[in-house]
Amino acid sequence: MRRLVIAVALLMPLTAFAQDSRADYLKQFDTNGDGKVSEAEYVAYMSRGFQSMDSNGDGILETSELPGGHGKPITLKEYQDNLRHQFHKLDHHHHGYLNAQELTAPPQG
């Protein structure tokens, strides 16, 4: 019993840290501060990666702009359509937004 109490006491700070980390991560997406991430907020935040790779600003990631210089070119619209699809896969409760747990869950196939 004593070992269980010690184990729980040692894990409590890690659990609190994980929760704080999830909440902090959610805040990066949550532009209106309502404590949840809408599809529009998710797409806008995740599109930053595309925009930073699109060195010529033409709305298309050419092969040369892709990591490692490999892959097919992709438009911003195609990229955002993929993000919308991923959003709906993460929205396990189908309530139209992501909470911190859903946002930090590993992607599902």
Protein backbone atom coordinates (compact mmCIF):
# COMPACT_ATOMS: atom_id res chain seq x y z
CA MET A 1 0.00 0.00 0.00
CA ARG A 2 2.82 2.37 0.89
CA ARG A 3 4.42 1.78 -2.53
CA LEU A 4 1.16 2.67 -4.23
CA VAL A 5 0.92 5.93 -2.29
CA ILE A 6 4.52 6.79 -3.20
CA ALA A 7 3.94 5.94 -6.87
CA VAL A 8 0.80 8.10 -6.99
CA ALA A 9 2.63 10.95 -5.24
CA LEU A 10 5.44 10.76 -7.79
CA LEU A 11 3.06 10.67 -10.77
CA MET A 12 0.83 13.55 -9.65
CA PRO A 13 3.23 16.30 -10.80
CA LEU A 14 3.63 14.57 -14.17
CA THR A 15 -0.14 14.37 -14.59
CA ALA A 16 -0.50 18.04 -13.71
CA PHE A 17 2.29 18.93 -16.15
CA ALA A 18 0.63 16.94 -18.95
CA GLN A 19 -2.65 18.71 -18.29
CA ASP A 20 -0.95 22.12 -18.25
CA SER A 21 0.88 21.26 -21.46
CA ARG A 22 -2.36 20.23 -23.18
CA ALA A 23 -4.09 23.40 -22.02
CA ASP A 24 -1.17 25.54 -23.16
CA TYR A 25 -1.14 23.80 -26.55
CA LEU A 26 -4.87 24.39 -26.94
CA LYS A 27 -4.39 28.10 -26.20
CA GLN A 28 -2.08 28.38 -29.21
CA PHE A 29 -4.97 27.40 -31.49
CA ASP A 30 -7.84 29.01 -29.53
CA THR A 31 -7.88 32.55 -30.91
CA ASN A 32 -11.25 33.50 -29.40
CA GLY A 33 -10.41 32.14 -25.94
CA ASP A 34 -13.49 29.93 -25.54
CA GLY A 35 -11.48 26.91 -24.38
CA LYS A 36 -12.06 24.85 -27.51
CA VAL A 37 -10.68 24.76 -31.05
CA SER A 38 -13.04 25.20 -33.97
CA GLU A 39 -12.34 23.83 -37.42
CA ALA A 40 -11.49 27.34 -38.64
CA GLU A 41 -9.03 27.88 -35.76
CA TYR A 42 -7.42 24.48 -36.38
CA VAL A 43 -7.01 25.11 -40.11
CA ALA A 44 -5.69 28.64 -39.59
CA TYR A 45 -3.09 27.56 -37.04
CA MET A 46 -1.96 24.49 -38.94
CA SER A 47 -1.75 26.45 -42.22
CA ARG A 48 1.15 28.43 -40.78
CA GLY A 49 3.43 25.51 -41.63
CA PHE A 50 2.38 25.64 -45.27
CA GLN A 51 2.87 29.38 -45.42
CA SER A 52 6.34 29.19 -43.92
CA MET A 53 7.39 26.56 -46.49
CA ASP A 54 5.85 28.44 -49.44
CA SER A 55 8.98 30.50 -50.04
CA ASN A 56 7.71 32.21 -53.20
CA GLY A 57 4.22 32.87 -51.75
CA ASP A 58 2.33 31.46 -54.73
CA GLY A 59 -0.01 29.23 -52.69
CA ILE A 60 1.58 26.04 -54.00
CA LEU A 61 4.23 23.97 -52.31
CA GLU A 62 6.44 22.93 -55.19
CA THR A 63 8.64 19.84 -54.87
CA SER A 64 11.62 22.08 -54.10
CA GLU A 65 9.73 23.67 -51.17
CA LEU A 66 8.76 20.32 -49.63
CA PRO A 67 10.87 18.77 -46.87
CA GLY A 68 13.69 16.83 -48.48
CA GLY A 69 12.69 18.12 -51.91
CA HIS A 70 10.45 15.09 -52.51
CA GLY A 71 6.74 14.66 -53.16
CA LYS A 72 4.02 16.04 -55.37
CA PRO A 73 3.23 19.75 -55.37
CA ILE A 74 0.23 20.66 -53.21
CA THR A 75 -1.94 23.77 -53.23
CA LEU A 76 -3.00 25.62 -50.10
CA LYS A 77 -6.60 24.53 -50.76
CA GLU A 78 -5.60 20.86 -50.97
CA TYR A 79 -3.51 21.21 -47.83
CA GLN A 80 -6.39 22.85 -45.95
CA ASP A 81 -8.84 20.20 -47.19
CA ASN A 82 -6.51 17.60 -45.67
CA LEU A 83 -6.46 19.59 -42.42
CA ARG A 84 -10.28 19.67 -42.33
CA HIS A 85 -10.34 15.91 -42.81
CA GLN A 86 -7.83 15.47 -39.98
CA PHE A 87 -9.87 17.81 -37.75
CA HIS A 88 -12.95 15.61 -38.15
CA LYS A 89 -10.92 12.48 -37.39
CA LEU A 90 -9.66 14.11 -34.18
CA ASP A 91 -13.18 15.26 -33.18
CA HIS A 92 -14.03 11.92 -31.56
CA HIS A 93 -17.18 13.26 -29.90
CA HIS A 94 -18.43 14.83 -33.16
CA HIS A 95 -19.33 18.08 -31.41
CA GLY A 96 -17.68 20.36 -33.99
CA TYR A 97 -14.70 21.44 -31.91
CA LEU A 98 -11.61 19.94 -30.33
CA ASN A 99 -10.97 19.91 -26.62
CA ALA A 100 -7.42 19.67 -25.25
CA GLN A 101 -7.53 15.87 -25.08
CA GLU A 102 -8.71 15.48 -28.69
CA LEU A 103 -6.24 18.09 -29.94
CA THR A 104 -3.29 16.26 -28.41
CA ALA A 105 -4.41 12.73 -29.33
CA PRO A 106 -2.25 10.86 -31.84
CA PRO A 107 -3.69 10.93 -35.36
CA GLN A 108 -5.84 7.93 -36.23
CA GLY A 109 -5.54 6.06 -39.56
